[in-house]
C-alpha atoms as a PDB file:
ATOM      1  CA  MET A   1     178.400 208.161 130.826  1.00  0.00           C
ATOM      2  CA  PRO A   2     179.273 204.546 132.492  1.00  0.00           C
ATOM      3  CA  GLY A   3     177.553 201.974 131.172  1.00  0.00           C
ATOM      4  CA  THR A   4     174.451 200.662 133.530  1.00  0.00           C
ATOM      5  CA  SER A   5     176.470 197.505 134.605  1.00  0.00           C
ATOM      6  CA  ASN A   6     179.181 199.774 135.971  1.00  0.00           C
ATOM      7  CA  LEU A   7     177.240 202.579 137.523  1.00  0.00           C
ATOM      8  CA  SER A   8     176.933 200.637 140.773  1.00  0.00           C
ATOM      9  CA  ARG A   9     180.627 199.163 141.095  1.00  0.00           C
ATOM     10  CA  HIS A  10     181.947 202.589 140.223  1.00  0.00           C
ATOM     11  CA  ALA A  11     179.232 204.208 142.229  1.00  0.00           C
ATOM     12  CA  ARG A  12     181.670 205.444 145.138  1.00  0.00           C
ATOM     13  CA  HIS A  13     184.112 207.308 142.544  1.00  0.00           C
ATOM     14  CA  LEU A  14     180.850 208.781 140.934  1.00  0.00           C
ATOM     15  CA  ALA A  15     180.178 210.429 144.482  1.00  0.00           C
ATOM     16  CA  LEU A  16     183.483 211.885 144.845  1.00  0.00           C
ATOM     17  CA  SER A  17     183.757 215.542 143.650  1.00  0.00           C
ATOM     18  CA  GLN A  18     187.482 214.812 142.672  1.00  0.00           C
ATOM     19  CA  VAL A  19     186.445 212.608 140.462  1.00  0.00           C
ATOM     20  CA  GLY A  20     182.594 212.196 139.509  1.00  0.00           C
ATOM     21  CA  GLU A  21     181.466 210.978 135.945  1.00  0.00           C
ATOM     22  CA  GLU A  22     184.369 212.876 134.037  1.00  0.00           C
ATOM     23  CA  GLY A  23     187.127 211.446 136.395  1.00  0.00           C
ATOM     24  CA  GLN A  24     185.675 207.939 136.240  1.00  0.00           C
ATOM     25  CA  GLN A  25     185.394 208.139 132.308  1.00  0.00           C
ATOM     26  CA  ARG A  26     189.037 209.141 132.054  1.00  0.00           C
ATOM     27  CA  ILE A  27     189.714 206.272 134.381  1.00  0.00           C
ATOM     28  CA  ALA A  28     187.922 204.450 131.902  1.00  0.00           C
ATOM     29  CA  ALA A  29     189.930 205.642 129.180  1.00  0.00           C
ATOM     30  CA  GLY A  30     193.113 205.188 130.761  1.00  0.00           C
ATOM     31  CA  SER A  31     195.921 202.783 130.352  1.00  0.00           C
ATOM     32  CA  ALA A  32     199.282 201.447 132.439  1.00  0.00           C
ATOM     33  CA  LEU A  33     201.819 199.390 132.382  1.00  0.00           C
ATOM     34  CA  LEU A  34     202.916 197.381 135.202  1.00  0.00           C
ATOM     35  CA  ILE A  35     206.663 196.127 136.024  1.00  0.00           C
ATOM     36  CA  GLY A  36     206.594 193.085 138.210  1.00  0.00           C
ATOM     37  CA  VAL A  37     203.505 191.482 139.702  1.00  0.00           C
ATOM     38  CA  GLY A  38     205.165 190.245 142.803  1.00  0.00           C
ATOM     39  CA  GLY A  39     204.073 191.797 146.306  1.00  0.00           C
ATOM     40  CA  ILE A  40     204.042 195.065 145.071  1.00  0.00           C
ATOM     41  CA  GLY A  41     202.427 194.748 141.661  1.00  0.00           C
ATOM     42  CA  CYS A  42     199.615 192.618 142.877  1.00  0.00           C
ATOM     43  CA  ALA A  43     197.882 195.425 145.124  1.00  0.00           C
ATOM     44  CA  ALA A  44     198.533 198.075 142.563  1.00  0.00           C
ATOM     45  CA  ALA A  45     197.025 195.618 139.818  1.00  0.00           C
ATOM     46  CA  SER A  46     193.858 194.408 141.734  1.00  0.00           C
ATOM     47  CA  TYR A  47     193.241 197.975 142.477  1.00  0.00           C
ATOM     48  CA  LEU A  48     193.776 199.582 139.221  1.00  0.00           C
ATOM     49  CA  ALA A  49     191.562 196.715 137.634  1.00  0.00           C
ATOM     50  CA  ALA A  50     188.944 197.021 140.235  1.00  0.00           C
ATOM     51  CA  ALA A  51     188.472 200.739 139.805  1.00  0.00           C
ATOM     52  CA  GLY A  52     187.710 200.193 135.875  1.00  0.00           C
ATOM     53  CA  ILE A  53     191.181 201.163 134.522  1.00  0.00           C
ATOM     54  CA  GLY A  54     190.634 200.426 130.562  1.00  0.00           C
ATOM     55  CA  GLN A  55     193.884 198.591 129.770  1.00  0.00           C
ATOM     56  CA  LEU A  56     196.286 196.775 131.779  1.00  0.00           C
ATOM     57  CA  LEU A  57     199.472 195.615 130.719  1.00  0.00           C
ATOM     58  CA  LEU A  58     201.321 193.000 133.410  1.00  0.00           C
ATOM     59  CA  CYS A  59     204.659 192.275 132.634  1.00  0.00           C
ATOM     60  CA  ASP A  60     206.688 189.624 134.422  1.00  0.00           C
ATOM     61  CA  PHE A  61     208.462 186.830 133.286  1.00  0.00           C
ATOM     62  CA  ASP A  62     208.946 184.964 137.040  1.00  0.00           C
ATOM     63  CA  THR A  63     206.885 181.956 138.440  1.00  0.00           C
ATOM     64  CA  VAL A  64     205.205 181.642 141.107  1.00  0.00           C
ATOM     65  CA  ASP A  65     207.154 180.262 144.264  1.00  0.00           C
ATOM     66  CA  ALA A  66     205.999 178.825 147.775  1.00  0.00           C
ATOM     67  CA  THR A  67     207.433 181.822 149.436  1.00  0.00           C
ATOM     68  CA  ASN A  68     205.796 184.523 147.153  1.00  0.00           C
ATOM     69  CA  LEU A  69     202.183 183.145 149.050  1.00  0.00           C
ATOM     70  CA  GLY A  70     202.667 185.109 151.910  1.00  0.00           C
ATOM     71  CA  ARG A  71     202.346 188.921 150.632  1.00  0.00           C
ATOM     72  CA  GLN A  72     201.626 188.489 146.667  1.00  0.00           C
ATOM     73  CA  ILE A  73     197.896 188.266 147.162  1.00  0.00           C
ATOM     74  CA  LEU A  74     196.729 187.170 143.716  1.00  0.00           C
ATOM     75  CA  TYR A  75     198.332 183.852 143.677  1.00  0.00           C
ATOM     76  CA  GLY A  76     197.324 180.486 145.729  1.00  0.00           C
ATOM     77  CA  PRO A  77     198.667 177.285 145.768  1.00  0.00           C
ATOM     78  CA  GLU A  78     197.235 175.724 142.601  1.00  0.00           C
ATOM     79  CA  ASP A  79     199.435 178.714 140.919  1.00  0.00           C
ATOM     80  CA  LEU A  80     202.576 177.395 141.810  1.00  0.00           C
ATOM     81  CA  GLY A  81     205.364 176.932 139.126  1.00  0.00           C
ATOM     82  CA  ARG A  82     203.018 179.089 136.728  1.00  0.00           C
ATOM     83  CA  LEU A  83     204.160 182.322 135.197  1.00  0.00           C
ATOM     84  CA  LYS A  84     203.046 185.269 137.380  1.00  0.00           C
ATOM     85  CA  ALA A  85     201.806 187.780 134.114  1.00  0.00           C
ATOM     86  CA  GLN A  86     199.399 185.105 132.865  1.00  0.00           C
ATOM     87  CA  GLN A  87     198.123 183.952 136.451  1.00  0.00           C
ATOM     88  CA  ALA A  88     197.587 187.385 137.491  1.00  0.00           C
ATOM     89  CA  LEU A  89     195.488 188.245 134.461  1.00  0.00           C
ATOM     90  CA  LEU A  90     193.049 185.339 135.008  1.00  0.00           C
ATOM     91  CA  HIS A  91     192.671 186.278 138.662  1.00  0.00           C
ATOM     92  CA  LEU A  92     192.003 190.259 137.387  1.00  0.00           C
ATOM     93  CA  ALA A  93     189.874 188.846 134.816  1.00  0.00           C
ATOM     94  CA  ARG A  94     187.625 187.169 137.356  1.00  0.00           C
ATOM     95  CA  THR A  95     187.603 191.005 139.154  1.00  0.00           C
ATOM     96  CA  ASN A  96     186.975 192.529 136.168  1.00  0.00           C
ATOM     97  CA  PRO A  97     185.835 191.279 132.920  1.00  0.00           C
ATOM     98  CA  ASP A  98     185.479 194.710 131.279  1.00  0.00           C
ATOM     99  CA  VAL A  99     189.251 195.775 131.589  1.00  0.00           C
ATOM    100  CA  GLN A 100     191.718 194.711 128.881  1.00  0.00           C
ATOM    101  CA  LEU A 101     194.248 193.037 130.419  1.00  0.00           C
ATOM    102  CA  SER A 102     197.460 191.566 128.121  1.00  0.00           C
ATOM    103  CA  ALA A 103     200.601 189.645 129.760  1.00  0.00           C
ATOM    104  CA  ILE A 104     204.081 189.667 128.949  1.00  0.00           C
ATOM    105  CA  THR A 105     206.141 187.158 130.123  1.00  0.00           C
ATOM    106  CA  GLU A 106     209.419 187.706 128.960  1.00  0.00           C
ATOM    107  CA  ARG A 107     211.959 189.973 129.481  1.00  0.00           C
ATOM    108  CA  LEU A 108     211.766 193.276 127.741  1.00  0.00           C
ATOM    109  CA  ASP A 109     215.072 194.184 126.111  1.00  0.00           C
ATOM    110  CA  ASP A 110     215.121 198.073 125.317  1.00  0.00           C
ATOM    111  CA  VAL A 111     213.285 198.375 122.254  1.00  0.00           C
ATOM    112  CA  ALA A 112     210.463 196.582 123.146  1.00  0.00           C
ATOM    113  CA  LEU A 113     209.991 197.873 126.729  1.00  0.00           C
ATOM    114  CA  ALA A 114     210.370 201.524 124.801  1.00  0.00           C
ATOM    115  CA  ASP A 115     207.410 200.849 122.392  1.00  0.00           C
ATOM    116  CA  ALA A 116     205.382 199.325 125.463  1.00  0.00           C
ATOM    117  CA  VAL A 117     205.790 202.585 127.748  1.00  0.00           C
ATOM    118  CA  ARG A 118     204.588 204.770 124.626  1.00  0.00           C
ATOM    119  CA  LYS A 119     201.498 202.678 124.447  1.00  0.00           C
ATOM    120  CA  VAL A 120     200.234 203.800 127.880  1.00  0.00           C
ATOM    121  CA  ASP A 121     199.625 206.798 130.231  1.00  0.00           C
ATOM    122  CA  VAL A 122     201.190 205.935 133.238  1.00  0.00           C
ATOM    123  CA  VAL A 123     204.101 203.294 134.586  1.00  0.00           C
ATOM    124  CA  LEU A 124     204.050 201.421 137.236  1.00  0.00           C
ATOM    125  CA  ASP A 125     207.276 199.821 138.512  1.00  0.00           C
ATOM    126  CA  GLY A 126     207.753 197.130 140.988  1.00  0.00           C
ATOM    127  CA  SER A 127     210.400 195.162 140.405  1.00  0.00           C
ATOM    128  CA  ASP A 128     213.191 194.528 142.652  1.00  0.00           C
ATOM    129  CA  ASN A 129     216.580 195.688 140.972  1.00  0.00           C
ATOM    130  CA  PHE A 130     218.204 198.443 139.734  1.00  0.00           C
ATOM    131  CA  ALA A 131     219.208 197.867 136.286  1.00  0.00           C
ATOM    132  CA  THR A 132     215.651 196.958 135.959  1.00  0.00           C
ATOM    133  CA  ARG A 133     214.630 200.624 137.185  1.00  0.00           C
ATOM    134  CA  PHE A 134     217.170 202.454 135.566  1.00  0.00           C
ATOM    135  CA  GLN A 135     215.875 201.005 131.889  1.00  0.00           C
ATOM    136  CA  VAL A 136     212.305 201.919 132.757  1.00  0.00           C
ATOM    137  CA  ASN A 137     213.706 205.341 133.743  1.00  0.00           C
ATOM    138  CA  ASP A 138     215.115 206.077 130.661  1.00  0.00           C
ATOM    139  CA  ALA A 139     211.805 204.590 128.639  1.00  0.00           C
ATOM    140  CA  CYS A 140     209.343 206.647 130.484  1.00  0.00           C
ATOM    141  CA  VAL A 141     211.621 209.949 130.186  1.00  0.00           C
ATOM    142  CA  ALA A 142     212.346 209.370 126.639  1.00  0.00           C
ATOM    143  CA  ALA A 143     208.468 209.003 126.036  1.00  0.00           C
ATOM    144  CA  SER A 144     207.648 211.837 128.287  1.00  0.00           C
ATOM    145  CA  THR A 145     205.536 208.968 130.460  1.00  0.00           C
ATOM    146  CA  CYS A 146     204.363 209.241 134.234  1.00  0.00           C
ATOM    147  CA  LEU A 147     206.566 206.898 136.043  1.00  0.00           C
ATOM    148  CA  ILE A 148     204.948 205.504 139.490  1.00  0.00           C
ATOM    149  CA  SER A 149     208.335 203.478 141.347  1.00  0.00           C
ATOM    150  CA  GLY A 150     207.994 201.594 144.160  1.00  0.00           C
ATOM    151  CA  ALA A 151     210.196 199.384 146.405  1.00  0.00           C
ATOM    152  CA  ALA A 152     209.718 197.231 150.170  1.00  0.00           C
ATOM    153  CA  ILE A 153     212.163 195.633 152.320  1.00  0.00           C
ATOM    154  CA  ARG A 154     211.844 194.817 155.858  1.00  0.00           C
ATOM    155  CA  LEU A 155     209.459 197.344 157.615  1.00  0.00           C
ATOM    156  CA  GLU A 156     210.376 199.896 154.959  1.00  0.00           C
ATOM    157  CA  GLY A 157     208.741 201.135 151.732  1.00  0.00           C
ATOM    158  CA  GLN A 158     208.820 204.220 149.619  1.00  0.00           C
ATOM    159  CA  LEU A 159     207.194 205.095 146.447  1.00  0.00           C
ATOM    160  CA  LEU A 160     208.596 208.218 143.630  1.00  0.00           C
ATOM    161  CA  GLU A 161     206.010 209.218 141.439  1.00  0.00           C
ATOM    162  CA  ILE A 162     207.816 211.600 138.579  1.00  0.00           C
ATOM    163  CA  GLY A 163     207.007 213.075 135.104  1.00  0.00           C
ATOM    164  CA  PRO A 164     205.497 212.936 132.244  1.00  0.00           C
ATOM    165  CA  ASP A 165     207.236 216.196 131.984  1.00  0.00           C
ATOM    166  CA  PHE A 166     210.480 215.692 132.390  1.00  0.00           C
ATOM    167  CA  LEU A 167     211.516 219.295 131.945  1.00  0.00           C
ATOM    168  CA  THR A 168     210.940 219.923 135.318  1.00  0.00           C
ATOM    169  CA  SER A 169     210.333 216.718 136.740  1.00  0.00           C
ATOM    170  CA  PRO A 170     213.214 215.319 138.014  1.00  0.00           C
ATOM    171  CA  CYS A 171     213.890 211.036 137.210  1.00  0.00           C
ATOM    172  CA  TYR A 172     214.730 208.125 139.197  1.00  0.00           C
ATOM    173  CA  ARG A 173     218.685 208.555 137.742  1.00  0.00           C
ATOM    174  CA  CYS A 174     218.283 212.053 139.952  1.00  0.00           C
ATOM    175  CA  VAL A 175     217.670 210.072 143.087  1.00  0.00           C
ATOM    176  CA  TYR A 176     219.577 207.180 142.756  1.00  0.00           C
ATOM    177  CA  GLU A 177     222.838 207.216 140.693  1.00  0.00           C
ATOM    178  CA  GLU A 178     224.664 203.771 138.924  1.00  0.00           C
ATOM    179  CA  ALA A 179     227.309 203.724 142.107  1.00  0.00           C
ATOM    180  CA  ASP A 180     223.679 203.160 144.009  1.00  0.00           C
ATOM    181  CA  GLU A 181     223.396 199.524 142.618  1.00  0.00           C
ATOM    182  CA  THR A 182     223.191 198.550 146.143  1.00  0.00           C
ATOM    183  CA  LEU A 183     219.616 197.400 146.457  1.00  0.00           C
ATOM    184  CA  GLU A 184     219.154 194.589 148.979  1.00  0.00           C
ATOM    185  CA  SER A 185     216.869 191.893 147.960  1.00  0.00           C
ATOM    186  CA  CYS A 186     213.682 190.177 150.825  1.00  0.00           C
ATOM    187  CA  ALA A 187     215.253 186.817 150.260  1.00  0.00           C
ATOM    188  CA  GLY A 188     218.096 187.548 152.228  1.00  0.00           C
ATOM    189  CA  ASN A 189     216.444 190.034 154.417  1.00  0.00           C
ATOM    190  CA  GLY A 190     212.810 189.405 154.756  1.00  0.00           C
ATOM    191  CA  VAL A 191     209.712 191.745 154.542  1.00  0.00           C
ATOM    192  CA  LEU A 192     206.822 192.056 156.439  1.00  0.00           C
ATOM    193  CA  GLY A 193     203.995 190.826 153.943  1.00  0.00           C
ATOM    194  CA  PRO A 194     201.958 193.800 153.784  1.00  0.00           C
ATOM    195  CA  VAL A 195     204.542 196.237 153.342  1.00  0.00           C
ATOM    196  CA  PRO A 196     204.792 195.787 149.912  1.00  0.00           C
ATOM    197  CA  GLY A 197     201.208 195.636 149.598  1.00  0.00           C
ATOM    198  CA  VAL A 198     200.708 199.156 151.354  1.00  0.00           C
ATOM    199  CA  ILE A 199     203.240 200.427 149.081  1.00  0.00           C
ATOM    200  CA  GLY A 200     201.090 198.925 145.837  1.00  0.00           C
ATOM    201  CA  THR A 201     198.114 200.585 147.217  1.00  0.00           C
ATOM    202  CA  LEU A 202     199.738 203.655 147.415  1.00  0.00           C
ATOM    203  CA  MET A 203     200.925 203.428 143.739  1.00  0.00           C
ATOM    204  CA  ALA A 204     197.696 202.870 143.001  1.00  0.00           C
ATOM    205  CA  VAL A 205     196.111 205.516 144.623  1.00  0.00           C
ATOM    206  CA  GLU A 206     198.834 208.049 142.919  1.00  0.00           C
ATOM    207  CA  ALA A 207     198.219 206.377 139.318  1.00  0.00           C
ATOM    208  CA  LEU A 208     194.179 206.801 140.045  1.00  0.00           C
ATOM    209  CA  LYS A 209     195.086 210.184 140.779  1.00  0.00           C
ATOM    210  CA  PHE A 210     196.881 210.965 137.626  1.00  0.00           C
ATOM    211  CA  LEU A 211     194.505 209.246 135.513  1.00  0.00           C
ATOM    212  CA  ALA A 212     191.367 210.812 136.626  1.00  0.00           C
ATOM    213  CA  GLY A 213     192.982 214.435 136.162  1.00  0.00           C
ATOM    214  CA  MET A 214     193.069 214.986 139.800  1.00  0.00           C
ATOM    215  CA  GLY A 215     196.939 215.909 140.151  1.00  0.00           C
ATOM    216  CA  SER A 216     199.361 214.747 142.773  1.00  0.00           C
ATOM    217  CA  ARG A 217     202.878 215.724 143.932  1.00  0.00           C
ATOM    218  CA  ARG A 218     205.202 214.236 141.319  1.00  0.00           C
ATOM    219  CA  GLY A 219     208.773 215.004 142.370  1.00  0.00           C
ATOM    220  CA  ALA A 220     208.259 213.796 146.239  1.00  0.00           C
ATOM    221  CA  LEU A 221     209.745 210.778 147.446  1.00  0.00           C
ATOM    222  CA  ARG A 222     207.799 208.798 149.934  1.00  0.00           C
ATOM    223  CA  LEU A 223     208.756 206.547 152.800  1.00  0.00           C
ATOM    224  CA  PHE A 224     206.907 204.520 154.757  1.00  0.00           C
ATOM    225  CA  ASP A 225     208.008 202.838 158.544  1.00  0.00           C
ATOM    226  CA  ALA A 226     206.158 200.302 159.291  1.00  0.00           C
ATOM    227  CA  GLN A 227     207.413 199.794 162.896  1.00  0.00           C
ATOM    228  CA  SER A 228     206.667 203.128 163.142  1.00  0.00           C
ATOM    229  CA  GLY A 229     203.658 203.984 161.323  1.00  0.00           C
ATOM    230  CA  GLU A 230     204.761 206.788 159.760  1.00  0.00           C
ATOM    231  CA  LEU A 231     204.470 207.859 156.295  1.00  0.00           C
ATOM    232  CA  ARG A 232     206.605 211.064 155.123  1.00  0.00           C
ATOM    233  CA  SER A 233     207.201 212.888 152.018  1.00  0.00           C
ATOM    234  CA  VAL A 234     210.682 214.357 150.788  1.00  0.00           C
ATOM    235  CA  ALA A 235     211.003 216.936 148.409  1.00  0.00           C
ATOM    236  CA  VAL A 236     213.656 215.687 145.459  1.00  0.00           C
ATOM    237  CA  ALA A 237     214.767 218.061 142.741  1.00  0.00           C
ATOM    238  CA  LYS A 238     216.538 218.129 139.524  1.00  0.00           C
ATOM    239  CA  ARG A 239     220.336 217.128 139.337  1.00  0.00           C
ATOM    240  CA  ASP A 240     222.489 219.078 137.341  1.00  0.00           C
ATOM    241  CA  GLY A 241     223.980 216.539 134.979  1.00  0.00           C
ATOM    242  CA  CYS A 242     221.536 213.787 135.075  1.00  0.00           C
ATOM    243  CA  PRO A 243     221.951 211.537 132.235  1.00  0.00           C
ATOM    244  CA  ALA A 244     218.791 210.846 131.747  1.00  0.00           C
ATOM    245  CA  CYS A 245     216.409 214.055 131.649  1.00  0.00           C
ATOM    246  CA  GLY A 246     219.080 216.684 132.147  1.00  0.00           C
END
């Protein structure tokens, strides 16, 4: 039974037939690793912390820049030049002091990443380069850990939820091959400020559904177009000969 101090905070979850007391207890016992605390990660982390997730591990070695402030909602001018993961932790602790928060402020090598992935129930990847995305994917496949990957640029965003059973679920490499290393950056192409927030929020929704045992559409690629306001879903299948999950 949720503690008395949390009954009011989570009253709307407790009122949901899809969540209820049991689902909220599962969320409170759940853990997540967030790769990248930028525009996507700030939104995802905010909702996971507010929802009462048990443990949230924030991984980002970058510092806050003035160009981040238009979309990375956990930071303000007072955070400029400081490490994102540490500043995000401070802000999230004020949002919900009951959440166990940790920050990783250095780039994880394969061994450290694999260790971090094994310790959590779900990984949310909001990184901005294919090298990191492939590395995170491979660690999740090896550990049989659910992975929710998101990206945003210009007025477009996408998210993909895969695993934890990679015998049946496709992986990130089933959708993108090494030869697809052409991911564009927000710096060169721009991004409408709320678009990463939309993707991060949707990632938090899927993570909470997974933790609460609600089920979800794993293996579906969701594509968001802010220009038209459309959100569509594309089925993704396992790729024969995939080097990670094949």
